[in-house]
Amino acid sequence: MKIQILGPGCAKCRELEARTRKAVASAGLTADIEKVEDVMEIVKFKVMMTPALAIDGKVKVAGKVPSETELVSLLTTAAAGDN
């Protein structure tokens, strides 16, 4: 699973990255987590508000920092879809 945190490096972006890492660990998943700060790369995802979270190239959350519980749910759903 490839997870991308999209944002310029603001406090909310860092919080989303930290919560995502915790959610991956608590769900027992294996994932490559990448921080995307380049505005031109973020635009390619058609994201208008950051922070945003993309899983396997698909934006799942934009403009907010979901709770760790919400992130675990998103990640386990995405992982189940890979099977």
PDB file of N, CA and C in Angstrom:
ATOM      1  N   MET A   1       0.850  -1.165   0.000  1.00  0.00           N
ATOM      2  CA  MET A   1       0.000   0.000   0.000  1.00  0.00           C
ATOM      3  C   MET A   1       0.903   1.237   0.000  1.00  0.00           C
ATOM      4  N   LYS A   2       0.556   2.196  -0.846  1.00  0.00           N
ATOM      5  CA  LYS A   2       1.310   3.445  -0.907  1.00  0.00           C
ATOM      6  C   LYS A   2       0.419   4.569  -0.390  1.00  0.00           C
ATOM      7  N   ILE A   3       0.907   5.265   0.621  1.00  0.00           N
ATOM      8  CA  ILE A   3       0.171   6.367   1.222  1.00  0.00           C
ATOM      9  C   ILE A   3       0.945   7.648   0.969  1.00  0.00           C
ATOM     10  N   GLN A   4       0.231   8.666   0.511  1.00  0.00           N
ATOM     11  CA  GLN A   4       0.859   9.957   0.270  1.00  0.00           C
ATOM     12  C   GLN A   4       0.145  11.027   1.095  1.00  0.00           C
ATOM     13  N   ILE A   5       0.936  11.780   1.828  1.00  0.00           N
ATOM     14  CA  ILE A   5       0.437  12.910   2.601  1.00  0.00           C
ATOM     15  C   ILE A   5       0.712  14.142   1.752  1.00  0.00           C
ATOM     16  N   LEU A   6      -0.336  14.829   1.343  1.00  0.00           N
ATOM     17  CA  LEU A   6      -0.203  15.969   0.446  1.00  0.00           C
ATOM     18  C   LEU A   6      -0.361  17.258   1.229  1.00  0.00           C
ATOM     19  N   GLY A   7       0.657  18.111   1.171  1.00  0.00           N
ATOM     20  CA  GLY A   7       0.576  19.396   1.855  1.00  0.00           C
ATOM     21  C   GLY A   7       1.923  20.078   1.896  1.00  0.00           C
ATOM     22  N   PRO A   8       1.903  21.395   2.085  1.00  0.00           N
ATOM     23  CA  PRO A   8       3.132  22.172   2.023  1.00  0.00           C
ATOM     24  C   PRO A   8       4.037  22.056   3.241  1.00  0.00           C
ATOM     25  N   GLY A   9       3.631  21.352   4.260  1.00  0.00           N
ATOM     26  CA  GLY A   9       4.468  21.193   5.447  1.00  0.00           C
ATOM     27  C   GLY A   9       3.944  21.969   6.646  1.00  0.00           C
ATOM     28  N   CYS A  10       2.684  22.366   6.600  1.00  0.00           N
ATOM     29  CA  CYS A  10       2.071  23.113   7.704  1.00  0.00           C
ATOM     30  C   CYS A  10       1.860  22.196   8.911  1.00  0.00           C
ATOM     31  N   ALA A  11       1.430  22.779  10.014  1.00  0.00           N
ATOM     32  CA  ALA A  11       1.206  22.006  11.241  1.00  0.00           C
ATOM     33  C   ALA A  11       0.168  20.900  11.037  1.00  0.00           C
ATOM     34  N   LYS A  12      -0.908  21.192  10.301  1.00  0.00           N
ATOM     35  CA  LYS A  12      -1.935  20.179  10.056  1.00  0.00           C
ATOM     36  C   LYS A  12      -1.391  19.051   9.185  1.00  0.00           C
ATOM     37  N   CYS A  13      -0.531  19.381   8.254  1.00  0.00           N
ATOM     38  CA  CYS A  13       0.087  18.353   7.398  1.00  0.00           C
ATOM     39  C   CYS A  13       0.958  17.422   8.233  1.00  0.00           C
ATOM     40  N   ARG A  14       1.727  17.999   9.139  1.00  0.00           N
ATOM     41  CA  ARG A  14       2.577  17.185  10.013  1.00  0.00           C
ATOM     42  C   ARG A  14       1.727  16.321  10.944  1.00  0.00           C
ATOM     43  N   GLU A  15       0.612  16.871  11.415  1.00  0.00           N
ATOM     44  CA  GLU A  15      -0.291  16.107  12.276  1.00  0.00           C
ATOM     45  C   GLU A  15      -0.906  14.933  11.517  1.00  0.00           C
ATOM     46  N   LEU A  16      -1.301  15.169  10.263  1.00  0.00           N
ATOM     47  CA  LEU A  16      -1.861  14.087   9.455  1.00  0.00           C
ATOM     48  C   LEU A  16      -0.824  12.995   9.234  1.00  0.00           C
ATOM     49  N   GLU A  17       0.406  13.387   8.977  1.00  0.00           N
ATOM     50  CA  GLU A  17       1.463  12.390   8.788  1.00  0.00           C
ATOM     51  C   GLU A  17       1.665  11.567  10.062  1.00  0.00           C
ATOM     52  N   ALA A  18       1.733  12.231  11.204  1.00  0.00           N
ATOM     53  CA  ALA A  18       1.942  11.527  12.477  1.00  0.00           C
ATOM     54  C   ALA A  18       0.785  10.572  12.771  1.00  0.00           C
ATOM     55  N   ARG A  19      -0.450  11.047  12.601  1.00  0.00           N
ATOM     56  CA  ARG A  19      -1.620  10.181  12.854  1.00  0.00           C
ATOM     57  C   ARG A  19      -1.663   9.014  11.880  1.00  0.00           C
ATOM     58  N   THR A  20      -1.288   9.264  10.639  1.00  0.00           N
ATOM     59  CA  THR A  20      -1.288   8.191   9.633  1.00  0.00           C
ATOM     60  C   THR A  20      -0.285   7.112  10.006  1.00  0.00           C
ATOM     61  N   ARG A  21       0.902   7.530  10.428  1.00  0.00           N
ATOM     62  CA  ARG A  21       1.919   6.556  10.833  1.00  0.00           C
ATOM     63  C   ARG A  21       1.429   5.724  12.024  1.00  0.00           C
ATOM     64  N   LYS A  22       0.780   6.367  12.992  1.00  0.00           N
ATOM     65  CA  LYS A  22       0.239   5.649  14.148  1.00  0.00           C
ATOM     66  C   LYS A  22      -0.869   4.689  13.710  1.00  0.00           C
ATOM     67  N   ALA A  23      -1.717   5.144  12.800  1.00  0.00           N
ATOM     68  CA  ALA A  23      -2.827   4.301  12.329  1.00  0.00           C
ATOM     69  C   ALA A  23      -2.311   3.080  11.587  1.00  0.00           C
ATOM     70  N   VAL A  24      -1.288   3.253  10.761  1.00  0.00           N
ATOM     71  CA  VAL A  24      -0.694   2.120  10.042  1.00  0.00           C
ATOM     72  C   VAL A  24      -0.147   1.108  11.042  1.00  0.00           C
ATOM     73  N   ALA A  25       0.569   1.600  12.047  1.00  0.00           N
ATOM     74  CA  ALA A  25       1.144   0.711  13.060  1.00  0.00           C
ATOM     75  C   ALA A  25       0.057   0.010  13.867  1.00  0.00           C
ATOM     76  N   SER A  26      -0.965   0.749  14.309  1.00  0.00           N
ATOM     77  CA  SER A  26      -2.001   0.123  15.142  1.00  0.00           C
ATOM     78  C   SER A  26      -2.862  -0.862  14.357  1.00  0.00           C
ATOM     79  N   ALA A  27      -2.960  -0.654  13.035  1.00  0.00           N
ATOM     80  CA  ALA A  27      -3.723  -1.589  12.209  1.00  0.00           C
ATOM     81  C   ALA A  27      -2.877  -2.789  11.786  1.00  0.00           C
ATOM     82  N   GLY A  28      -1.583  -2.731  12.074  1.00  0.00           N
ATOM     83  CA  GLY A  28      -0.691  -3.832  11.716  1.00  0.00           C
ATOM     84  C   GLY A  28      -0.466  -3.954  10.224  1.00  0.00           C
ATOM     85  N   LEU A  29      -0.509  -2.827   9.521  1.00  0.00           N
ATOM     86  CA  LEU A  29      -0.351  -2.822   8.070  1.00  0.00           C
ATOM     87  C   LEU A  29       1.073  -2.480   7.670  1.00  0.00           C
ATOM     88  N   THR A  30       1.419  -2.836   6.459  1.00  0.00           N
ATOM     89  CA  THR A  30       2.686  -2.447   5.871  1.00  0.00           C
ATOM     90  C   THR A  30       2.375  -1.436   4.782  1.00  0.00           C
ATOM     91  N   ALA A  31       3.038  -0.292   4.844  1.00  0.00           N
ATOM     92  CA  ALA A  31       2.754   0.757   3.859  1.00  0.00           C
ATOM     93  C   ALA A  31       3.989   1.606   3.629  1.00  0.00           C
ATOM     94  N   ASP A  32       4.105   2.099   2.411  1.00  0.00           N
ATOM     95  CA  ASP A  32       5.116   3.099   2.094  1.00  0.00           C
ATOM     96  C   ASP A  32       4.436   4.444   2.264  1.00  0.00           C
ATOM     97  N   ILE A  33       4.969   5.272   3.158  1.00  0.00           N
ATOM     98  CA  ILE A  33       4.380   6.583   3.412  1.00  0.00           C
ATOM     99  C   ILE A  33       5.300   7.651   2.838  1.00  0.00           C
ATOM    100  N   GLU A  34       4.728   8.478   1.983  1.00  0.00           N
ATOM    101  CA  GLU A  34       5.489   9.522   1.306  1.00  0.00           C
ATOM    102  C   GLU A  34       4.854  10.876   1.606  1.00  0.00           C
ATOM    103  N   LYS A  35       5.684  11.855   1.914  1.00  0.00           N
ATOM    104  CA  LYS A  35       5.210  13.225   2.135  1.00  0.00           C
ATOM    105  C   LYS A  35       5.414  13.984   0.832  1.00  0.00           C
ATOM    106  N   VAL A  36       4.332  14.517   0.262  1.00  0.00           N
ATOM    107  CA  VAL A  36       4.398  15.262  -0.995  1.00  0.00           C
ATOM    108  C   VAL A  36       4.178  16.737  -0.670  1.00  0.00           C
ATOM    109  N   GLU A  37       5.229  17.541  -0.820  1.00  0.00           N
ATOM    110  CA  GLU A  37       5.155  18.963  -0.508  1.00  0.00           C
ATOM    111  C   GLU A  37       5.196  19.844  -1.754  1.00  0.00           C
ATOM    112  N   ASP A  38       5.586  19.284  -2.886  1.00  0.00           N
ATOM    113  CA  ASP A  38       5.674  20.047  -4.131  1.00  0.00           C
ATOM    114  C   ASP A  38       4.273  20.402  -4.626  1.00  0.00           C
ATOM    115  N   VAL A  39       4.017  21.699  -4.752  1.00  0.00           N
ATOM    116  CA  VAL A  39       2.682  22.166  -5.137  1.00  0.00           C
ATOM    117  C   VAL A  39       2.257  21.598  -6.492  1.00  0.00           C
ATOM    118  N   MET A  40       3.150  21.491  -7.429  1.00  0.00           N
ATOM    119  CA  MET A  40       2.805  20.966  -8.752  1.00  0.00           C
ATOM    120  C   MET A  40       2.400  19.492  -8.672  1.00  0.00           C
ATOM    121  N   GLU A  41       3.020  18.751  -7.784  1.00  0.00           N
ATOM    122  CA  GLU A  41       2.633  17.344  -7.585  1.00  0.00           C
ATOM    123  C   GLU A  41       1.265  17.254  -6.906  1.00  0.00           C
ATOM    124  N   ILE A  42       1.023  18.121  -5.938  1.00  0.00           N
ATOM    125  CA  ILE A  42      -0.268  18.138  -5.237  1.00  0.00           C
ATOM    126  C   ILE A  42      -1.391  18.463  -6.212  1.00  0.00           C
ATOM    127  N   VAL A  43      -1.144  19.412  -7.117  1.00  0.00           N
ATOM    128  CA  VAL A  43      -2.147  19.816  -8.115  1.00  0.00           C
ATOM    129  C   VAL A  43      -2.544  18.628  -8.994  1.00  0.00           C
ATOM    130  N   LYS A  44      -1.619  17.736  -9.260  1.00  0.00           N
ATOM    131  CA  LYS A  44      -1.918  16.560 -10.092  1.00  0.00           C
ATOM    132  C   LYS A  44      -3.004  15.681  -9.472  1.00  0.00           C
ATOM    133  N   PHE A  45      -3.155  15.771  -8.151  1.00  0.00           N
ATOM    134  CA  PHE A  45      -4.191  14.997  -7.458  1.00  0.00           C
ATOM    135  C   PHE A  45      -5.532  15.731  -7.458  1.00  0.00           C
ATOM    136  N   LYS A  46      -5.550  16.943  -8.010  1.00  0.00           N
ATOM    137  CA  LYS A  46      -6.751  17.784  -8.056  1.00  0.00           C
ATOM    138  C   LYS A  46      -7.256  18.116  -6.651  1.00  0.00           C
ATOM    139  N   VAL A  47      -6.316  18.310  -5.749  1.00  0.00           N
ATOM    140  CA  VAL A  47      -6.631  18.660  -4.372  1.00  0.00           C
ATOM    141  C   VAL A  47      -6.636  20.178  -4.256  1.00  0.00           C
ATOM    142  N   MET A  48      -7.727  20.717  -3.723  1.00  0.00           N
ATOM    143  CA  MET A  48      -7.848  22.161  -3.560  1.00  0.00           C
ATOM    144  C   MET A  48      -7.557  22.598  -2.120  1.00  0.00           C
ATOM    145  N   MET A  49      -7.685  21.673  -1.180  1.00  0.00           N
ATOM    146  CA  MET A  49      -7.428  21.990   0.228  1.00  0.00           C
ATOM    147  C   MET A  49      -6.490  20.950   0.814  1.00  0.00           C
ATOM    148  N   THR A  50      -5.511  21.431   1.569  1.00  0.00           N
ATOM    149  CA  THR A  50      -4.602  20.526   2.250  1.00  0.00           C
ATOM    150  C   THR A  50      -4.825  20.662   3.748  1.00  0.00           C
ATOM    151  N   PRO A  51      -4.428  19.678   4.511  1.00  0.00           N
ATOM    152  CA  PRO A  51      -3.735  18.475   4.085  1.00  0.00           C
ATOM    153  C   PRO A  51      -4.675  17.500   3.396  1.00  0.00           C
ATOM    154  N   ALA A  52      -4.074  16.595   2.659  1.00  0.00           N
ATOM    155  CA  ALA A  52      -4.854  15.555   1.996  1.00  0.00           C
ATOM    156  C   ALA A  52      -4.108  14.228   2.133  1.00  0.00           C
ATOM    157  N   LEU A  53      -4.866  13.159   2.012  1.00  0.00           N
ATOM    158  CA  LEU A  53      -4.314  11.814   2.129  1.00  0.00           C
ATOM    159  C   LEU A  53      -4.731  11.019   0.912  1.00  0.00           C
ATOM    160  N   ALA A  54      -3.744  10.444   0.231  1.00  0.00           N
ATOM    161  CA  ALA A  54      -4.025   9.586  -0.916  1.00  0.00           C
ATOM    162  C   ALA A  54      -3.536   8.181  -0.593  1.00  0.00           C
ATOM    163  N   ILE A  55      -4.364   7.209  -0.933  1.00  0.00           N
ATOM    164  CA  ILE A  55      -3.996   5.808  -0.751  1.00  0.00           C
ATOM    165  C   ILE A  55      -3.994   5.175  -2.130  1.00  0.00           C
ATOM    166  N   ASP A  56      -2.840   4.646  -2.510  1.00  0.00           N
ATOM    167  CA  ASP A  56      -2.661   4.031  -3.825  1.00  0.00           C
ATOM    168  C   ASP A  56      -3.129   4.959  -4.949  1.00  0.00           C
ATOM    169  N   GLY A  57      -2.778   6.241  -4.811  1.00  0.00           N
ATOM    170  CA  GLY A  57      -3.058   7.206  -5.863  1.00  0.00           C
ATOM    171  C   GLY A  57      -4.437   7.833  -5.847  1.00  0.00           C
ATOM    172  N   LYS A  58      -5.291   7.419  -4.907  1.00  0.00           N
ATOM    173  CA  LYS A  58      -6.652   7.954  -4.836  1.00  0.00           C
ATOM    174  C   LYS A  58      -6.814   8.794  -3.566  1.00  0.00           C
ATOM    175  N   VAL A  59      -7.266  10.035  -3.732  1.00  0.00           N
ATOM    176  CA  VAL A  59      -7.449  10.925  -2.588  1.00  0.00           C
ATOM    177  C   VAL A  59      -8.636  10.422  -1.755  1.00  0.00           C
ATOM    178  N   LYS A  60      -8.377  10.210  -0.474  1.00  0.00           N
ATOM    179  CA  LYS A  60      -9.412   9.716   0.438  1.00  0.00           C
ATOM    180  C   LYS A  60      -9.889  10.795   1.403  1.00  0.00           C
ATOM    181  N   VAL A  61      -9.025  11.757   1.702  1.00  0.00           N
ATOM    182  CA  VAL A  61      -9.351  12.825   2.639  1.00  0.00           C
ATOM    183  C   VAL A  61      -8.683  14.105   2.150  1.00  0.00           C
ATOM    184  N   ALA A  62      -9.389  15.228   2.218  1.00  0.00           N
ATOM    185  CA  ALA A  62      -8.793  16.518   1.862  1.00  0.00           C
ATOM    186  C   ALA A  62      -9.355  17.612   2.751  1.00  0.00           C
ATOM    187  N   GLY A  63      -8.476  18.501   3.184  1.00  0.00           N
ATOM    188  CA  GLY A  63      -8.899  19.669   3.933  1.00  0.00           C
ATOM    189  C   GLY A  63      -9.137  19.459   5.409  1.00  0.00           C
ATOM    190  N   LYS A  64      -8.780  18.293   5.933  1.00  0.00           N
ATOM    191  CA  LYS A  64      -8.959  18.050   7.366  1.00  0.00           C
ATOM    192  C   LYS A  64      -7.992  16.977   7.836  1.00  0.00           C
ATOM    193  N   VAL A  65      -7.889  16.875   9.144  1.00  0.00           N
ATOM    194  CA  VAL A  65      -7.062  15.833   9.756  1.00  0.00           C
ATOM    195  C   VAL A  65      -8.013  14.885  10.474  1.00  0.00           C
ATOM    196  N   PRO A  66      -8.266  13.712   9.876  1.00  0.00           N
ATOM    197  CA  PRO A  66      -9.173  12.753  10.519  1.00  0.00           C
ATOM    198  C   PRO A  66      -8.552  12.173  11.788  1.00  0.00           C
ATOM    199  N   SER A  67      -9.393  11.641  12.644  1.00  0.00           N
ATOM    200  CA  SER A  67      -8.908  10.987  13.863  1.00  0.00           C
ATOM    201  C   SER A  67      -8.140   9.723  13.481  1.00  0.00           C
ATOM    202  N   GLU A  68      -7.370   9.236  14.426  1.00  0.00           N
ATOM    203  CA  GLU A  68      -6.628   7.993  14.184  1.00  0.00           C
ATOM    204  C   GLU A  68      -7.592   6.840  13.901  1.00  0.00           C
ATOM    205  N   THR A  69      -8.733   6.819  14.587  1.00  0.00           N
ATOM    206  CA  THR A  69      -9.744   5.780  14.366  1.00  0.00           C
ATOM    207  C   THR A  69     -10.270   5.832  12.931  1.00  0.00           C
ATOM    208  N   GLU A  70     -10.568   7.039  12.437  1.00  0.00           N
ATOM    209  CA  GLU A  70     -11.034   7.193  11.054  1.00  0.00           C
ATOM    210  C   GLU A  70      -9.963   6.729  10.069  1.00  0.00           C
ATOM    211  N   LEU A  71      -8.718   7.054  10.375  1.00  0.00           N
ATOM    212  CA  LEU A  71      -7.620   6.652   9.491  1.00  0.00           C
ATOM    213  C   LEU A  71      -7.467   5.136   9.464  1.00  0.00           C
ATOM    214  N   VAL A  72      -7.555   4.498  10.615  1.00  0.00           N
ATOM    215  CA  VAL A  72      -7.466   3.025  10.668  1.00  0.00           C
ATOM    216  C   VAL A  72      -8.557   2.426   9.790  1.00  0.00           C
ATOM    217  N   SER A  73      -9.759   2.967   9.879  1.00  0.00           N
ATOM    218  CA  SER A  73     -10.869   2.469   9.067  1.00  0.00           C
ATOM    219  C   SER A  73     -10.581   2.630   7.573  1.00  0.00           C
ATOM    220  N   LEU A  74     -10.122   3.800   7.176  1.00  0.00           N
ATOM    221  CA  LEU A  74      -9.781   4.033   5.765  1.00  0.00           C
ATOM    222  C   LEU A  74      -8.700   3.074   5.283  1.00  0.00           C
ATOM    223  N   LEU A  75      -7.680   2.912   6.104  1.00  0.00           N
ATOM    224  CA  LEU A  75      -6.540   2.077   5.709  1.00  0.00           C
ATOM    225  C   LEU A  75      -6.902   0.597   5.641  1.00  0.00           C
ATOM    226  N   THR A  76      -7.662   0.113   6.625  1.00  0.00           N
ATOM    227  CA  THR A  76      -8.037  -1.305   6.578  1.00  0.00           C
ATOM    228  C   THR A  76      -8.998  -1.594   5.427  1.00  0.00           C
ATOM    229  N   THR A  77      -9.872  -0.646   5.127  1.00  0.00           N
ATOM    230  CA  THR A  77     -10.767  -0.802   3.972  1.00  0.00           C
ATOM    231  C   THR A  77      -9.966  -0.852   2.680  1.00  0.00           C
ATOM    232  N   ALA A  78      -8.989   0.049   2.569  1.00  0.00           N
ATOM    233  CA  ALA A  78      -8.147   0.069   1.364  1.00  0.00           C
ATOM    234  C   ALA A  78      -7.317  -1.211   1.252  1.00  0.00           C
ATOM    235  N   ALA A  79      -6.809  -1.697   2.378  1.00  0.00           N
ATOM    236  CA  ALA A  79      -6.000  -2.928   2.377  1.00  0.00           C
ATOM    237  C   ALA A  79      -6.857  -4.130   1.986  1.00  0.00           C
ATOM    238  N   ALA A  80      -8.099  -4.167   2.447  1.00  0.00           N
ATOM    239  CA  ALA A  80      -8.997  -5.278   2.123  1.00  0.00           C
ATOM    240  C   ALA A  80      -9.338  -5.270   0.626  1.00  0.00           C
ATOM    241  N   GLY A  81      -9.395  -4.101   0.044  1.00  0.00           N
ATOM    242  CA  GLY A  81      -9.674  -3.993  -1.379  1.00  0.00           C
ATOM    243  C   GLY A  81      -8.537  -4.469  -2.246  1.00  0.00           C
ATOM    244  N   ASP A  82      -7.333  -4.543  -1.670  1.00  0.00           N
ATOM    245  CA  ASP A  82      -6.164  -4.998  -2.418  1.00  0.00           C
ATOM    246  C   ASP A  82      -6.152  -6.510  -2.590  1.00  0.00           C
ATOM    247  N   ASN A  83      -6.908  -7.209  -1.766  1.00  0.00           N
ATOM    248  CA  ASN A  83      -6.875  -8.680  -1.818  1.00  0.00           C
ATOM    249  C   ASN A  83      -7.724  -9.235  -2.922  1.00  0.00           C
TER     250      ASN A  83
END
